[in-house]
Amino acid sequence: MSYLSLRSPTTICMRADSTSAQYTAPRCGESTGATGRTWRSLLSFPSLSTKEIPCNAQIISASLSLVGGTDYSTTASNYRIYRMKRSWTSAATWNNYDGTNAWTSAGAFHANDCEQTGIGLLNYAASGEEGKTRLMSLTPGAIQGMVSGSFINNGFLLKSDTELNDAWSLSGVVFLYIVYSIQRTRRGIDLLGRHERRLVY
């Protein structure tokens, strides 16, 4: 088996009540005491589709690493990750996917913009998450599709289920950890690729 750590080089935090604003530190949910101040974050992992992982690899497991930062919540919430269907740029905002052209629905959560079924779930408490590293397990088949090219790699959307008094900022760098194997055949014997660990920036 092989182990790969991918760093998200582009993270865009979008804010509903300041539609042209951008923040690089990811945030998610609605800030307590600031009705309508809802945050959603876009994450990119271009290495998923640049042959860092061979296209014939079998994805065994995948998880997203999130580190709790500032607490803006008074209620617990589920945070989910969704695969993006629309490409976006580093100029993306709440209203626009490239700084100019509009999402189908502001905030990027529309069936034309992203999938409507999450591939990972993590529960954040109302307090006590500061500085904690949490791992969100992702559906291996969903990552498999992005590696093989059957699903175009447009990154991910991080979104809270309720978006009501449940916001957290996330500190540090977001990593995607992947375990995979490559099946090789020699004289009718199935062999797995050698063990290795890599960190990709």
N, C-alpha and C. Protein backbone atom coordinates (compact mmCIF):
# COMPACT_ATOMS: atom_id res chain seq x y z
N MET A 1 0.84 -1.20 0.00
CA MET A 1 0.00 0.00 0.00
C MET A 1 0.87 1.24 0.00
N SER A 2 0.34 2.31 -0.52
CA SER A 2 1.03 3.59 -0.56
C SER A 2 0.21 4.62 0.19
N TYR A 3 0.92 5.58 0.79
CA TYR A 3 0.28 6.61 1.59
C TYR A 3 0.67 7.97 1.02
N LEU A 4 -0.32 8.82 0.80
CA LEU A 4 -0.08 10.12 0.19
C LEU A 4 -0.78 11.22 0.97
N SER A 5 -0.04 12.31 1.23
CA SER A 5 -0.63 13.49 1.89
C SER A 5 -0.67 14.63 0.88
N LEU A 6 -1.85 15.12 0.58
CA LEU A 6 -2.02 16.22 -0.36
C LEU A 6 -2.40 17.48 0.37
N ARG A 7 -1.72 18.55 0.07
CA ARG A 7 -2.02 19.84 0.68
C ARG A 7 -2.90 20.66 -0.25
N SER A 8 -3.93 21.29 0.27
CA SER A 8 -4.79 22.14 -0.54
C SER A 8 -4.09 23.47 -0.81
N PRO A 9 -3.66 23.72 -2.06
CA PRO A 9 -2.95 24.97 -2.36
C PRO A 9 -3.86 26.19 -2.44
N THR A 10 -5.15 25.95 -2.69
CA THR A 10 -6.10 27.06 -2.80
C THR A 10 -7.32 26.79 -1.93
N THR A 11 -7.53 27.66 -0.96
CA THR A 11 -8.69 27.58 -0.09
C THR A 11 -9.39 28.93 -0.11
N ILE A 12 -10.65 28.94 -0.50
CA ILE A 12 -11.42 30.17 -0.57
C ILE A 12 -12.59 30.07 0.38
N CYS A 13 -12.68 31.03 1.30
CA CYS A 13 -13.82 31.10 2.20
C CYS A 13 -14.75 32.19 1.69
N MET A 14 -16.02 31.83 1.48
CA MET A 14 -17.02 32.76 0.95
C MET A 14 -17.99 33.15 2.06
N ARG A 15 -18.45 34.40 2.03
CA ARG A 15 -19.30 34.92 3.10
C ARG A 15 -20.59 35.50 2.52
N ALA A 16 -21.73 35.04 3.03
CA ALA A 16 -23.03 35.39 2.45
C ALA A 16 -23.39 36.86 2.60
N ASP A 17 -23.01 37.48 3.72
CA ASP A 17 -23.41 38.87 3.93
C ASP A 17 -22.35 39.86 3.46
N SER A 18 -21.35 39.37 2.77
CA SER A 18 -20.34 40.23 2.15
C SER A 18 -19.92 39.51 0.87
N THR A 19 -20.79 39.59 -0.13
CA THR A 19 -20.72 38.69 -1.27
C THR A 19 -19.47 38.84 -2.14
N SER A 20 -18.77 39.95 -2.02
CA SER A 20 -17.55 40.13 -2.81
C SER A 20 -16.29 39.84 -2.00
N ALA A 21 -16.47 39.51 -0.71
CA ALA A 21 -15.31 39.28 0.16
C ALA A 21 -14.74 37.88 -0.03
N GLN A 22 -13.44 37.76 0.28
CA GLN A 22 -12.73 36.49 0.22
C GLN A 22 -11.87 36.35 1.45
N TYR A 23 -11.77 35.14 1.95
CA TYR A 23 -10.90 34.83 3.07
C TYR A 23 -10.16 33.54 2.74
N THR A 24 -8.88 33.48 3.08
CA THR A 24 -8.10 32.29 2.74
C THR A 24 -8.20 31.20 3.79
N ALA A 25 -8.44 31.58 5.04
CA ALA A 25 -8.61 30.57 6.09
C ALA A 25 -10.01 30.00 6.00
N PRO A 26 -10.16 28.69 5.90
CA PRO A 26 -11.51 28.12 5.76
C PRO A 26 -12.39 28.34 6.98
N ARG A 27 -13.66 28.61 6.73
CA ARG A 27 -14.67 28.73 7.78
C ARG A 27 -15.93 28.05 7.30
N CYS A 28 -16.79 27.73 8.24
CA CYS A 28 -18.00 26.99 7.89
C CYS A 28 -19.10 27.30 8.90
N GLY A 29 -20.34 27.45 8.42
CA GLY A 29 -21.48 27.69 9.31
C GLY A 29 -21.87 29.15 9.39
N GLU A 30 -22.81 29.46 10.32
CA GLU A 30 -23.27 30.84 10.54
C GLU A 30 -22.78 31.34 11.89
N SER A 31 -22.25 32.55 11.89
CA SER A 31 -21.73 33.14 13.13
C SER A 31 -22.86 33.46 14.10
N THR A 32 -22.69 33.08 15.34
CA THR A 32 -23.68 33.39 16.38
C THR A 32 -23.80 34.89 16.57
N GLY A 33 -25.03 35.38 16.63
CA GLY A 33 -25.26 36.81 16.85
C GLY A 33 -25.13 37.65 15.61
N ALA A 34 -24.88 37.03 14.46
CA ALA A 34 -24.75 37.76 13.20
C ALA A 34 -25.59 37.04 12.15
N THR A 35 -26.89 37.20 12.24
CA THR A 35 -27.81 36.50 11.36
C THR A 35 -27.46 36.74 9.90
N GLY A 36 -27.33 35.66 9.15
CA GLY A 36 -27.00 35.77 7.73
C GLY A 36 -25.53 35.77 7.43
N ARG A 37 -24.68 35.85 8.47
CA ARG A 37 -23.23 35.80 8.22
C ARG A 37 -22.83 34.32 8.13
N THR A 38 -23.07 33.77 6.97
CA THR A 38 -22.84 32.35 6.72
C THR A 38 -21.58 32.18 5.90
N TRP A 39 -20.79 31.16 6.28
CA TRP A 39 -19.52 30.89 5.64
C TRP A 39 -19.56 29.51 4.96
N ARG A 40 -19.00 29.43 3.78
CA ARG A 40 -18.75 28.17 3.09
C ARG A 40 -17.35 28.25 2.48
N SER A 41 -16.71 27.11 2.33
CA SER A 41 -15.32 27.13 1.87
C SER A 41 -15.12 26.19 0.68
N LEU A 42 -14.32 26.68 -0.26
CA LEU A 42 -13.90 25.89 -1.42
C LEU A 42 -12.48 25.39 -1.18
N LEU A 43 -12.25 24.13 -1.48
CA LEU A 43 -10.93 23.52 -1.31
C LEU A 43 -10.51 22.89 -2.62
N SER A 44 -9.26 23.10 -3.00
CA SER A 44 -8.76 22.47 -4.23
C SER A 44 -7.65 21.48 -3.90
N PHE A 45 -7.62 20.38 -4.64
CA PHE A 45 -6.55 19.39 -4.56
C PHE A 45 -6.20 18.94 -5.97
N PRO A 46 -5.52 19.82 -6.74
CA PRO A 46 -5.22 19.48 -8.15
C PRO A 46 -4.38 18.22 -8.31
N SER A 47 -3.62 17.86 -7.29
CA SER A 47 -2.76 16.67 -7.40
C SER A 47 -3.56 15.38 -7.55
N LEU A 48 -4.86 15.42 -7.23
CA LEU A 48 -5.69 14.24 -7.42
C LEU A 48 -5.76 13.83 -8.89
N SER A 49 -5.59 14.79 -9.78
CA SER A 49 -5.74 14.50 -11.21
C SER A 49 -4.49 14.86 -12.02
N THR A 50 -3.33 14.89 -11.37
CA THR A 50 -2.09 15.20 -12.08
C THR A 50 -1.10 14.04 -11.99
N LYS A 51 -1.63 12.83 -11.84
CA LYS A 51 -0.84 11.61 -11.86
C LYS A 51 0.05 11.42 -10.64
N GLU A 52 -0.15 12.23 -9.58
CA GLU A 52 0.53 11.93 -8.32
C GLU A 52 0.08 10.56 -7.82
N ILE A 53 -1.18 10.25 -8.09
CA ILE A 53 -1.72 8.92 -7.83
C ILE A 53 -1.96 8.28 -9.19
N PRO A 54 -1.39 7.12 -9.48
CA PRO A 54 -1.62 6.48 -10.77
C PRO A 54 -3.11 6.27 -11.02
N CYS A 55 -3.54 6.45 -12.28
CA CYS A 55 -4.96 6.36 -12.59
C CYS A 55 -5.52 4.95 -12.38
N ASN A 56 -4.62 3.95 -12.30
CA ASN A 56 -5.08 2.59 -12.07
C ASN A 56 -4.99 2.19 -10.60
N ALA A 57 -4.75 3.17 -9.73
CA ALA A 57 -4.66 2.89 -8.29
C ALA A 57 -6.04 2.57 -7.72
N GLN A 58 -6.04 1.73 -6.72
CA GLN A 58 -7.28 1.45 -5.99
C GLN A 58 -7.25 2.24 -4.69
N ILE A 59 -8.20 3.17 -4.52
CA ILE A 59 -8.25 3.98 -3.31
C ILE A 59 -8.84 3.13 -2.19
N ILE A 60 -8.06 2.97 -1.13
CA ILE A 60 -8.50 2.17 0.01
C ILE A 60 -9.21 3.03 1.05
N SER A 61 -8.64 4.20 1.33
CA SER A 61 -9.27 5.13 2.27
C SER A 61 -8.82 6.55 1.96
N ALA A 62 -9.63 7.52 2.38
CA ALA A 62 -9.30 8.94 2.20
C ALA A 62 -9.91 9.71 3.37
N SER A 63 -9.18 10.70 3.85
CA SER A 63 -9.70 11.52 4.95
C SER A 63 -9.16 12.93 4.85
N LEU A 64 -9.98 13.87 5.28
CA LEU A 64 -9.64 15.28 5.26
C LEU A 64 -9.27 15.71 6.67
N SER A 65 -8.15 16.41 6.81
CA SER A 65 -7.67 16.87 8.12
C SER A 65 -8.08 18.32 8.34
N LEU A 66 -8.84 18.57 9.41
CA LEU A 66 -9.30 19.91 9.75
C LEU A 66 -8.88 20.24 11.18
N VAL A 67 -8.37 21.45 11.38
CA VAL A 67 -7.91 21.89 12.69
C VAL A 67 -8.81 23.03 13.17
N GLY A 68 -9.45 22.84 14.33
CA GLY A 68 -10.34 23.86 14.87
C GLY A 68 -9.61 25.15 15.20
N GLY A 69 -10.23 26.28 14.83
CA GLY A 69 -9.64 27.59 15.11
C GLY A 69 -10.50 28.39 16.06
N THR A 70 -11.09 29.49 15.56
CA THR A 70 -11.92 30.36 16.39
C THR A 70 -13.36 29.86 16.42
N ASP A 71 -13.95 29.91 17.61
CA ASP A 71 -15.32 29.44 17.82
C ASP A 71 -16.30 30.60 17.66
N TYR A 72 -17.19 30.48 16.67
CA TYR A 72 -18.27 31.46 16.48
C TYR A 72 -19.63 30.81 16.71
N SER A 73 -19.65 29.65 17.36
CA SER A 73 -20.87 28.87 17.45
C SER A 73 -21.44 28.81 18.87
N THR A 74 -22.73 28.51 18.94
CA THR A 74 -23.37 28.17 20.21
C THR A 74 -24.11 26.84 20.10
N THR A 75 -24.11 26.27 18.91
CA THR A 75 -24.76 24.97 18.70
C THR A 75 -23.84 24.04 17.91
N ALA A 76 -23.99 22.75 18.15
CA ALA A 76 -23.22 21.76 17.40
C ALA A 76 -23.80 21.64 15.99
N SER A 77 -23.00 21.15 15.06
CA SER A 77 -23.48 21.00 13.69
C SER A 77 -22.66 19.96 12.95
N ASN A 78 -23.27 19.40 11.93
CA ASN A 78 -22.55 18.51 11.03
C ASN A 78 -21.96 19.31 9.88
N TYR A 79 -20.68 19.13 9.64
CA TYR A 79 -20.03 19.73 8.47
C TYR A 79 -19.87 18.63 7.43
N ARG A 80 -20.20 18.96 6.19
CA ARG A 80 -20.09 17.98 5.10
C ARG A 80 -19.22 18.51 3.98
N ILE A 81 -18.63 17.58 3.24
CA ILE A 81 -17.82 17.94 2.09
C ILE A 81 -18.51 17.41 0.84
N TYR A 82 -18.55 18.24 -0.19
CA TYR A 82 -19.23 17.90 -1.44
C TYR A 82 -18.25 18.06 -2.61
N ARG A 83 -18.36 17.19 -3.60
CA ARG A 83 -17.55 17.34 -4.79
C ARG A 83 -18.14 18.44 -5.68
N MET A 84 -17.27 19.34 -6.14
CA MET A 84 -17.72 20.42 -7.01
C MET A 84 -17.91 19.92 -8.44
N LYS A 85 -18.99 20.36 -9.09
CA LYS A 85 -19.24 20.02 -10.48
C LYS A 85 -18.80 21.15 -11.40
N ARG A 86 -18.79 22.36 -10.87
CA ARG A 86 -18.36 23.52 -11.66
C ARG A 86 -16.94 23.90 -11.29
N SER A 87 -16.14 24.21 -12.30
CA SER A 87 -14.78 24.70 -12.01
C SER A 87 -14.86 26.11 -11.44
N TRP A 88 -13.85 26.49 -10.66
CA TRP A 88 -13.81 27.81 -10.05
C TRP A 88 -12.36 28.26 -9.97
N THR A 89 -12.15 29.52 -9.72
CA THR A 89 -10.80 30.06 -9.67
C THR A 89 -10.53 30.68 -8.30
N SER A 90 -9.34 31.16 -8.13
CA SER A 90 -8.95 31.79 -6.86
C SER A 90 -9.66 33.13 -6.66
N ALA A 91 -10.39 33.59 -7.67
CA ALA A 91 -11.16 34.83 -7.56
C ALA A 91 -12.60 34.56 -7.15
N ALA A 92 -12.94 33.32 -6.83
CA ALA A 92 -14.32 32.96 -6.50
C ALA A 92 -14.81 33.70 -5.25
N THR A 93 -16.10 34.05 -5.27
CA THR A 93 -16.76 34.70 -4.14
C THR A 93 -18.11 34.01 -3.92
N TRP A 94 -18.88 34.50 -2.97
CA TRP A 94 -20.20 33.94 -2.69
C TRP A 94 -21.09 33.99 -3.94
N ASN A 95 -20.97 35.06 -4.72
CA ASN A 95 -21.83 35.23 -5.89
C ASN A 95 -21.26 34.65 -7.18
N ASN A 96 -19.94 34.66 -7.31
CA ASN A 96 -19.32 34.32 -8.59
C ASN A 96 -18.25 33.24 -8.46
N TYR A 97 -18.19 32.37 -9.47
CA TYR A 97 -17.21 31.29 -9.39
C TYR A 97 -15.83 31.67 -9.92
N ASP A 98 -15.74 32.82 -10.58
CA ASP A 98 -14.43 33.26 -11.08
C ASP A 98 -14.23 34.76 -10.90
N GLY A 99 -15.03 35.35 -10.04
CA GLY A 99 -14.95 36.79 -9.82
C GLY A 99 -15.85 37.59 -10.74
N THR A 100 -16.36 36.94 -11.80
CA THR A 100 -17.20 37.63 -12.78
C THR A 100 -18.51 36.91 -13.04
N ASN A 101 -18.44 35.62 -13.31
CA ASN A 101 -19.61 34.83 -13.69
C ASN A 101 -20.26 34.19 -12.47
N ALA A 102 -21.60 34.21 -12.47
CA ALA A 102 -22.35 33.81 -11.28
C ALA A 102 -22.50 32.30 -11.15
N TRP A 103 -22.45 31.84 -9.90
CA TRP A 103 -22.89 30.48 -9.61
C TRP A 103 -24.36 30.35 -10.01
N THR A 104 -24.82 29.14 -10.23
CA THR A 104 -26.25 28.96 -10.50
C THR A 104 -27.06 29.46 -9.31
N SER A 105 -26.57 29.19 -8.10
CA SER A 105 -27.18 29.71 -6.88
C SER A 105 -26.06 30.29 -6.03
N ALA A 106 -26.24 31.49 -5.53
CA ALA A 106 -25.21 32.13 -4.71
C ALA A 106 -24.80 31.22 -3.57
N GLY A 107 -23.50 31.11 -3.35
CA GLY A 107 -22.99 30.24 -2.30
C GLY A 107 -22.55 28.88 -2.80
N ALA A 108 -22.77 28.63 -4.10
CA ALA A 108 -22.24 27.44 -4.79
C ALA A 108 -22.94 26.13 -4.45
N PHE A 109 -24.06 26.20 -3.72
CA PHE A 109 -24.73 24.94 -3.37
C PHE A 109 -25.99 24.76 -4.21
N HIS A 110 -25.78 24.41 -5.46
CA HIS A 110 -26.86 24.10 -6.39
C HIS A 110 -26.42 22.88 -7.17
N ALA A 111 -27.38 22.11 -7.67
CA ALA A 111 -27.06 20.87 -8.37
C ALA A 111 -26.17 21.10 -9.59
N ASN A 112 -26.21 22.32 -10.16
CA ASN A 112 -25.32 22.62 -11.29
C ASN A 112 -23.91 22.97 -10.82
N ASP A 113 -23.78 23.36 -9.56
CA ASP A 113 -22.51 23.81 -9.03
C ASP A 113 -21.75 22.72 -8.28
N CYS A 114 -22.48 21.92 -7.52
CA CYS A 114 -21.84 20.84 -6.76
C CYS A 114 -22.83 19.70 -6.55
N GLU A 115 -22.31 18.55 -6.19
CA GLU A 115 -23.19 17.43 -5.87
C GLU A 115 -24.03 17.78 -4.65
N GLN A 116 -25.17 17.16 -4.55
CA GLN A 116 -26.08 17.45 -3.44
C GLN A 116 -26.00 16.40 -2.33
N THR A 117 -25.19 15.38 -2.54
CA THR A 117 -24.95 14.37 -1.52
C THR A 117 -23.49 14.45 -1.09
N GLY A 118 -23.26 14.63 0.19
CA GLY A 118 -21.90 14.75 0.70
C GLY A 118 -21.14 13.44 0.63
N ILE A 119 -19.81 13.53 0.57
CA ILE A 119 -18.96 12.33 0.57
C ILE A 119 -18.19 12.20 1.89
N GLY A 120 -18.44 13.11 2.82
CA GLY A 120 -17.79 13.06 4.13
C GLY A 120 -18.57 13.88 5.13
N LEU A 121 -18.53 13.46 6.40
CA LEU A 121 -19.30 14.11 7.46
C LEU A 121 -18.47 14.18 8.73
N LEU A 122 -18.52 15.33 9.39
CA LEU A 122 -17.82 15.51 10.66
C LEU A 122 -18.68 16.38 11.57
N ASN A 123 -18.92 15.93 12.80
CA ASN A 123 -19.71 16.71 13.74
C ASN A 123 -18.80 17.63 14.54
N TYR A 124 -19.13 18.93 14.53
CA TYR A 124 -18.40 19.91 15.33
C TYR A 124 -19.26 20.31 16.52
N ALA A 125 -18.67 20.25 17.72
CA ALA A 125 -19.39 20.62 18.93
C ALA A 125 -19.56 22.13 19.03
N ALA A 126 -20.40 22.57 19.95
CA ALA A 126 -20.64 24.00 20.14
C ALA A 126 -19.44 24.69 20.78
N SER A 127 -18.55 23.91 21.39
CA SER A 127 -17.35 24.49 22.03
C SER A 127 -16.31 23.39 22.19
N GLY A 128 -15.09 23.82 22.51
CA GLY A 128 -14.04 22.86 22.83
C GLY A 128 -13.28 22.28 21.65
N GLU A 129 -13.48 22.82 20.45
CA GLU A 129 -12.79 22.27 19.28
C GLU A 129 -11.49 23.02 18.95
N GLU A 130 -11.19 24.08 19.69
CA GLU A 130 -10.02 24.90 19.40
C GLU A 130 -8.74 24.06 19.42
N GLY A 131 -7.97 24.14 18.35
CA GLY A 131 -6.68 23.47 18.28
C GLY A 131 -6.74 21.97 18.05
N LYS A 132 -7.92 21.40 17.98
CA LYS A 132 -8.05 19.96 17.78
C LYS A 132 -7.97 19.61 16.29
N THR A 133 -7.19 18.58 15.99
CA THR A 133 -7.15 18.07 14.62
C THR A 133 -8.18 16.96 14.48
N ARG A 134 -9.10 17.14 13.56
CA ARG A 134 -10.17 16.17 13.32
C ARG A 134 -10.02 15.62 11.92
N LEU A 135 -10.31 14.33 11.76
CA LEU A 135 -10.25 13.69 10.46
C LEU A 135 -11.66 13.37 9.98
N MET A 136 -11.98 13.84 8.79
CA MET A 136 -13.26 13.55 8.16
C MET A 136 -13.04 12.43 7.14
N SER A 137 -13.62 11.29 7.37
CA SER A 137 -13.50 10.17 6.44
C SER A 137 -14.33 10.46 5.18
N LEU A 138 -13.72 10.21 4.02
CA LEU A 138 -14.38 10.44 2.75
C LEU A 138 -14.69 9.11 2.07
N THR A 139 -15.70 9.11 1.21
CA THR A 139 -16.06 7.91 0.48
C THR A 139 -14.96 7.56 -0.52
N PRO A 140 -14.30 6.40 -0.36
CA PRO A 140 -13.18 6.06 -1.25
C PRO A 140 -13.55 6.08 -2.73
N GLY A 141 -14.75 5.59 -3.06
CA GLY A 141 -15.16 5.55 -4.46
C GLY A 141 -15.27 6.93 -5.08
N ALA A 142 -15.64 7.94 -4.28
CA ALA A 142 -15.74 9.31 -4.78
C ALA A 142 -14.37 9.86 -5.14
N ILE A 143 -13.37 9.56 -4.32
CA ILE A 143 -12.00 9.98 -4.61
C ILE A 143 -11.45 9.18 -5.78
N GLN A 144 -11.81 7.90 -5.85
CA GLN A 144 -11.40 7.05 -6.97
C GLN A 144 -11.82 7.67 -8.30
N GLY A 145 -13.05 8.16 -8.36
CA GLY A 145 -13.54 8.76 -9.58
C GLY A 145 -12.75 9.99 -9.99
N MET A 146 -12.33 10.79 -9.03
CA MET A 146 -11.55 11.99 -9.33
C MET A 146 -10.15 11.63 -9.80
N VAL A 147 -9.59 10.55 -9.27
CA VAL A 147 -8.26 10.10 -9.69
C VAL A 147 -8.31 9.50 -11.08
N SER A 148 -9.30 8.68 -11.35
CA SER A 148 -9.40 8.00 -12.64
C SER A 148 -9.84 8.92 -13.76
N GLY A 149 -10.51 10.02 -13.41
CA GLY A 149 -11.00 10.95 -14.41
C GLY A 149 -12.46 10.74 -14.77
N SER A 150 -13.12 9.77 -14.15
CA SER A 150 -14.54 9.56 -14.42
C SER A 150 -15.39 10.67 -13.83
N PHE A 151 -14.85 11.39 -12.85
CA PHE A 151 -15.49 12.58 -12.29
C PHE A 151 -14.45 13.69 -12.30
N ILE A 152 -14.74 14.79 -12.99
CA ILE A 152 -13.76 15.87 -13.14
C ILE A 152 -13.41 16.47 -11.79
N ASN A 153 -12.13 16.65 -11.55
CA ASN A 153 -11.64 17.19 -10.28
C ASN A 153 -11.77 18.70 -10.26
N ASN A 154 -12.87 19.19 -9.68
CA ASN A 154 -13.07 20.62 -9.49
C ASN A 154 -12.98 21.01 -8.01
N GLY A 155 -12.39 20.14 -7.22
CA GLY A 155 -12.25 20.44 -5.80
C GLY A 155 -13.52 20.13 -5.02
N PHE A 156 -13.65 20.79 -3.86
CA PHE A 156 -14.72 20.46 -2.92
C PHE A 156 -15.34 21.71 -2.31
N LEU A 157 -16.55 21.53 -1.82
CA LEU A 157 -17.23 22.56 -1.03
C LEU A 157 -17.42 22.04 0.39
N LEU A 158 -17.02 22.83 1.38
CA LEU A 158 -17.24 22.51 2.79
C LEU A 158 -18.40 23.35 3.29
N LYS A 159 -19.42 22.68 3.82
CA LYS A 159 -20.66 23.37 4.19
C LYS A 159 -21.27 22.76 5.44
N SER A 160 -21.86 23.59 6.27
CA SER A 160 -22.60 23.13 7.45
C SER A 160 -24.01 22.69 7.04
N ASP A 161 -24.55 21.71 7.73
CA ASP A 161 -25.91 21.26 7.44
C ASP A 161 -26.95 22.33 7.76
N THR A 162 -26.86 22.91 8.96
CA THR A 162 -27.91 23.81 9.42
C THR A 162 -27.64 25.28 9.15
N GLU A 163 -26.37 25.67 9.19
CA GLU A 163 -25.99 27.07 9.00
C GLU A 163 -26.79 27.99 9.91
N LEU A 164 -26.77 27.65 11.20
CA LEU A 164 -27.49 28.44 12.21
C LEU A 164 -26.69 28.43 13.51
N ASN A 165 -26.03 29.55 13.81
CA ASN A 165 -25.26 29.70 15.06
C ASN A 165 -24.25 28.55 15.26
N ASP A 166 -23.58 28.16 14.18
CA ASP A 166 -22.72 26.96 14.26
C ASP A 166 -21.37 27.14 13.57
N ALA A 167 -20.90 28.37 13.46
CA ALA A 167 -19.68 28.62 12.68
C ALA A 167 -18.39 28.35 13.46
N TRP A 168 -17.43 27.79 12.76
CA TRP A 168 -16.05 27.64 13.23
C TRP A 168 -15.11 28.10 12.13
N SER A 169 -14.03 28.76 12.52
CA SER A 169 -12.94 28.95 11.56
C SER A 169 -11.98 27.79 11.76
N LEU A 170 -11.27 27.45 10.73
CA LEU A 170 -10.32 26.34 10.76
C LEU A 170 -8.92 26.89 10.55
N SER A 171 -8.01 26.51 11.41
CA SER A 171 -6.66 27.06 11.34
C SER A 171 -5.73 26.06 10.66
N GLY A 172 -4.60 26.57 10.21
CA GLY A 172 -3.61 25.71 9.61
C GLY A 172 -3.96 25.33 8.18
N VAL A 173 -3.21 24.38 7.66
CA VAL A 173 -3.37 23.93 6.29
C VAL A 173 -4.30 22.72 6.25
N VAL A 174 -5.14 22.64 5.23
CA VAL A 174 -6.03 21.49 5.06
C VAL A 174 -5.30 20.42 4.25
N PHE A 175 -5.26 19.21 4.78
CA PHE A 175 -4.62 18.10 4.10
C PHE A 175 -5.64 17.02 3.76
N LEU A 176 -5.37 16.33 2.67
CA LEU A 176 -6.14 15.16 2.27
C LEU A 176 -5.20 13.97 2.33
N TYR A 177 -5.51 12.99 3.18
CA TYR A 177 -4.70 11.79 3.35
C TYR A 177 -5.34 10.65 2.59
N ILE A 178 -4.52 9.98 1.78
CA ILE A 178 -5.03 8.91 0.93
C ILE A 178 -4.17 7.66 1.09
N VAL A 179 -4.83 6.53 1.22
CA VAL A 179 -4.16 5.22 1.20
C VAL A 179 -4.64 4.51 -0.05
N TYR A 180 -3.69 4.02 -0.85
CA TYR A 180 -4.08 3.33 -2.09
C TYR A 180 -3.13 2.19 -2.39
N SER A 181 -3.54 1.33 -3.28
CA SER A 181 -2.70 0.21 -3.73
C SER A 181 -2.73 0.16 -5.24
N ILE A 182 -1.68 -0.42 -5.81
CA ILE A 182 -1.61 -0.64 -7.25
C ILE A 182 -1.46 -2.13 -7.46
N GLN A 183 -2.37 -2.69 -8.21
CA GLN A 183 -2.34 -4.13 -8.43
C GLN A 183 -1.53 -4.43 -9.70
N ARG A 184 -0.49 -5.20 -9.52
CA ARG A 184 0.34 -5.64 -10.64
C ARG A 184 0.26 -7.15 -10.75
N THR A 185 0.36 -7.63 -11.95
CA THR A 185 0.28 -9.07 -12.18
C THR A 185 1.57 -9.58 -12.81
N ARG A 186 2.13 -10.62 -12.22
CA ARG A 186 3.34 -11.22 -12.77
C ARG A 186 3.20 -12.73 -12.67
N ARG A 187 3.15 -13.37 -13.84
CA ARG A 187 3.01 -14.82 -13.89
C ARG A 187 1.79 -15.31 -13.09
N GLY A 188 0.70 -14.53 -13.25
CA GLY A 188 -0.54 -14.94 -12.62
C GLY A 188 -0.64 -14.64 -11.14
N ILE A 189 0.35 -13.95 -10.56
CA ILE A 189 0.33 -13.65 -9.14
C ILE A 189 0.03 -12.17 -8.97
N ASP A 190 -0.94 -11.85 -8.13
CA ASP A 190 -1.28 -10.45 -7.86
C ASP A 190 -0.32 -9.89 -6.83
N LEU A 191 0.26 -8.74 -7.15
CA LEU A 191 1.21 -8.10 -6.25
C LEU A 191 0.72 -6.69 -5.94
N LEU A 192 0.90 -6.24 -4.70
CA LEU A 192 0.58 -4.87 -4.33
C LEU A 192 1.83 -4.03 -4.37
N GLY A 193 1.68 -2.76 -4.71
CA GLY A 193 2.82 -1.86 -4.76
C GLY A 193 3.51 -1.77 -3.41
N ARG A 194 4.78 -1.43 -3.43
CA ARG A 194 5.56 -1.35 -2.20
C ARG A 194 5.05 -0.22 -1.32
N HIS A 195 5.36 -0.31 -0.02
CA HIS A 195 4.94 0.72 0.93
C HIS A 195 5.73 1.99 0.69
N GLU A 196 5.06 3.11 0.70
CA GLU A 196 5.75 4.40 0.58
C GLU A 196 4.87 5.49 1.17
N ARG A 197 5.51 6.55 1.62
CA ARG A 197 4.79 7.71 2.12
C ARG A 197 5.31 8.94 1.39
N ARG A 198 4.39 9.80 0.95
CA ARG A 198 4.78 11.01 0.24
C ARG A 198 3.94 12.17 0.71
N LEU A 199 4.53 13.35 0.66
CA LEU A 199 3.84 14.59 0.98
C LEU A 199 3.91 15.47 -0.25
N VAL A 200 2.76 15.87 -0.76
CA VAL A 200 2.70 16.67 -1.98
C VAL A 200 2.19 18.05 -1.63
N TYR A 201 2.90 19.09 -2.08
CA TYR A 201 2.50 20.48 -1.85
C TYR A 201 1.92 21.06 -3.13
